[in-house]
C-alpha cells in the first residue's frame, strides 16, 4: 500500500449545513488512498490496485470518487512527479464523471 498528503477540501455554500458541518452528497464508489510520501511507484500501484487507473496511469475509475489523504510529500524523491500525476488524474476523473480530491 502507498503512503501520502493532507486533504484540502474547500466547502462551497451548499456543502455546509446550518450546524456548520461539512457534507457532500453520497457517491456510488468512494476510495481513500493514504500517505504517498513522495513515492510515485507506490502511488501508481495504489491507484491501480483500486482499479482507478490502468497500466498507462489513465483514469479508468469512471464515476468513482477518490480521496487522497495524508502526506503527498515529505520523504520521497518523486514529489514533483506525484503532484503532476495527481493533478492530471483530477482532470481525467472529472472528464469521466468521477472525482479525485487531494
Protein backbone atom coordinates (compact mmCIF):
# COMPACT_ATOMS: atom_id res chain seq x y z
CA UNK A 1 0.00 0.00 0.00
CA UNK A 2 1.18 3.55 -0.66
CA UNK A 3 1.53 6.25 1.90
CA UNK A 4 0.81 10.28 1.10
CA UNK A 5 -0.71 14.34 1.83
CA UNK A 6 -3.40 16.23 3.56
CA UNK A 7 -6.83 16.50 2.02
CA UNK A 8 -7.78 20.08 1.41
CA UNK A 9 -11.45 20.45 0.56
CA UNK A 10 -12.88 23.91 0.37
CA UNK A 11 -16.60 23.57 1.01
CA UNK A 12 -18.97 25.61 -1.08
CA UNK A 13 -22.06 27.20 0.47
CA UNK A 14 -24.22 24.20 -0.45
CA UNK A 15 -21.79 21.79 1.27
CA UNK A 16 -22.19 23.29 4.76
CA UNK A 17 -25.42 22.69 6.66
CA UNK A 18 -26.97 25.04 9.22
CA UNK A 19 -24.88 23.49 12.01
CA UNK A 20 -21.64 24.31 10.21
CA UNK A 21 -20.96 20.64 9.42
CA UNK A 22 -19.36 19.84 6.10
CA UNK A 23 -21.39 17.43 3.99
CA UNK A 24 -21.23 16.13 0.45
CA UNK A 25 -23.74 14.00 -1.42
CA UNK A 26 -23.24 10.24 -1.23
CA UNK A 27 -21.35 8.69 -4.13
CA UNK A 28 -21.62 5.26 -5.68
CA UNK A 29 -17.99 4.33 -5.04
CA UNK A 30 -15.63 6.03 -2.61
CA UNK A 31 -11.95 5.12 -2.40
CA UNK A 32 -9.42 6.55 0.06
CA UNK A 33 -5.70 6.42 -0.68
CA UNK A 34 -3.43 7.28 2.22
CA UNK A 35 0.01 8.79 2.63
CA UNK A 36 2.11 8.53 -0.52
CA UNK A 37 5.16 10.32 0.93
CA UNK A 38 6.79 11.18 -2.37
CA UNK A 39 6.88 7.58 -3.67
CA UNK A 40 5.48 7.70 -7.20
CA UNK A 41 5.67 3.96 -7.85
CA UNK A 42 3.70 3.11 -4.69
CA UNK A 43 1.21 5.84 -5.55
CA UNK A 44 0.72 4.39 -9.03
CA UNK A 45 0.36 0.89 -7.55
CA UNK A 46 -2.30 2.13 -5.11
CA UNK A 47 -4.40 3.70 -7.86
CA UNK A 48 -4.10 0.55 -9.98
CA UNK A 49 -4.95 -1.74 -7.04
CA UNK A 50 -8.12 0.30 -6.50
CA UNK A 51 -8.97 -0.07 -10.23
CA UNK A 52 -8.83 3.69 -10.66
CA UNK A 53 -6.05 3.69 -13.25
CA UNK A 54 -4.75 1.28 -15.87
CA UNK A 55 -1.18 0.23 -16.63
CA UNK A 56 -0.70 3.51 -18.55
CA UNK A 57 -1.82 5.51 -15.47
CA UNK A 58 -5.01 6.64 -17.19
CA UNK A 59 -8.18 7.14 -15.14
CA UNK A 60 -10.47 4.12 -15.53
CA UNK A 61 -12.42 4.70 -12.33
CA UNK A 62 -15.43 6.12 -14.16
CA UNK A 63 -17.68 7.95 -11.72
CA UNK A 64 -15.76 6.84 -8.62
CA UNK A 65 -14.66 9.41 -6.07
CA UNK A 66 -11.15 9.02 -4.71
CA UNK A 67 -9.89 10.97 -1.72
CA UNK A 68 -6.13 11.05 -1.34
CA UNK A 69 -5.45 11.64 2.35
CA UNK A 70 -2.27 12.15 4.30
CA UNK A 71 1.12 13.36 3.10
CA UNK A 72 1.77 13.65 -0.62
CA UNK A 73 5.25 14.96 0.03
CA UNK A 74 7.90 14.84 2.73
CA UNK A 75 10.22 11.88 2.17
CA UNK A 76 10.44 10.54 -1.34
CA UNK A 77 12.34 11.56 -4.42
CA UNK A 78 9.27 11.82 -6.66
CA UNK A 79 7.44 14.76 -5.09
CA UNK A 80 7.06 16.93 -8.21
CA UNK A 81 6.11 13.90 -10.32
CA UNK A 82 3.40 12.96 -7.78
CA UNK A 83 1.93 16.46 -7.88
CA UNK A 84 1.76 16.29 -11.69
CA UNK A 85 0.33 12.75 -11.58
CA UNK A 86 -2.44 13.69 -9.15
CA UNK A 87 -3.31 16.90 -10.98
CA UNK A 88 -3.56 15.07 -14.32
CA UNK A 89 -5.76 12.38 -12.76
CA UNK A 90 -8.02 15.04 -11.27
CA UNK A 91 -8.76 16.28 -14.76
CA UNK A 92 -9.25 12.79 -16.18
CA UNK A 93 -11.56 11.81 -13.32
CA UNK A 94 -13.65 14.93 -13.77
CA UNK A 95 -13.95 14.31 -17.53
CA UNK A 96 -15.22 10.78 -16.77
CA UNK A 97 -17.78 11.99 -14.22
CA UNK A 98 -15.65 10.99 -11.24
CA UNK A 99 -13.61 12.99 -8.79
CA UNK A 100 -10.16 12.94 -7.26
CA UNK A 101 -9.96 15.02 -4.10
CA UNK A 102 -6.47 15.91 -2.92
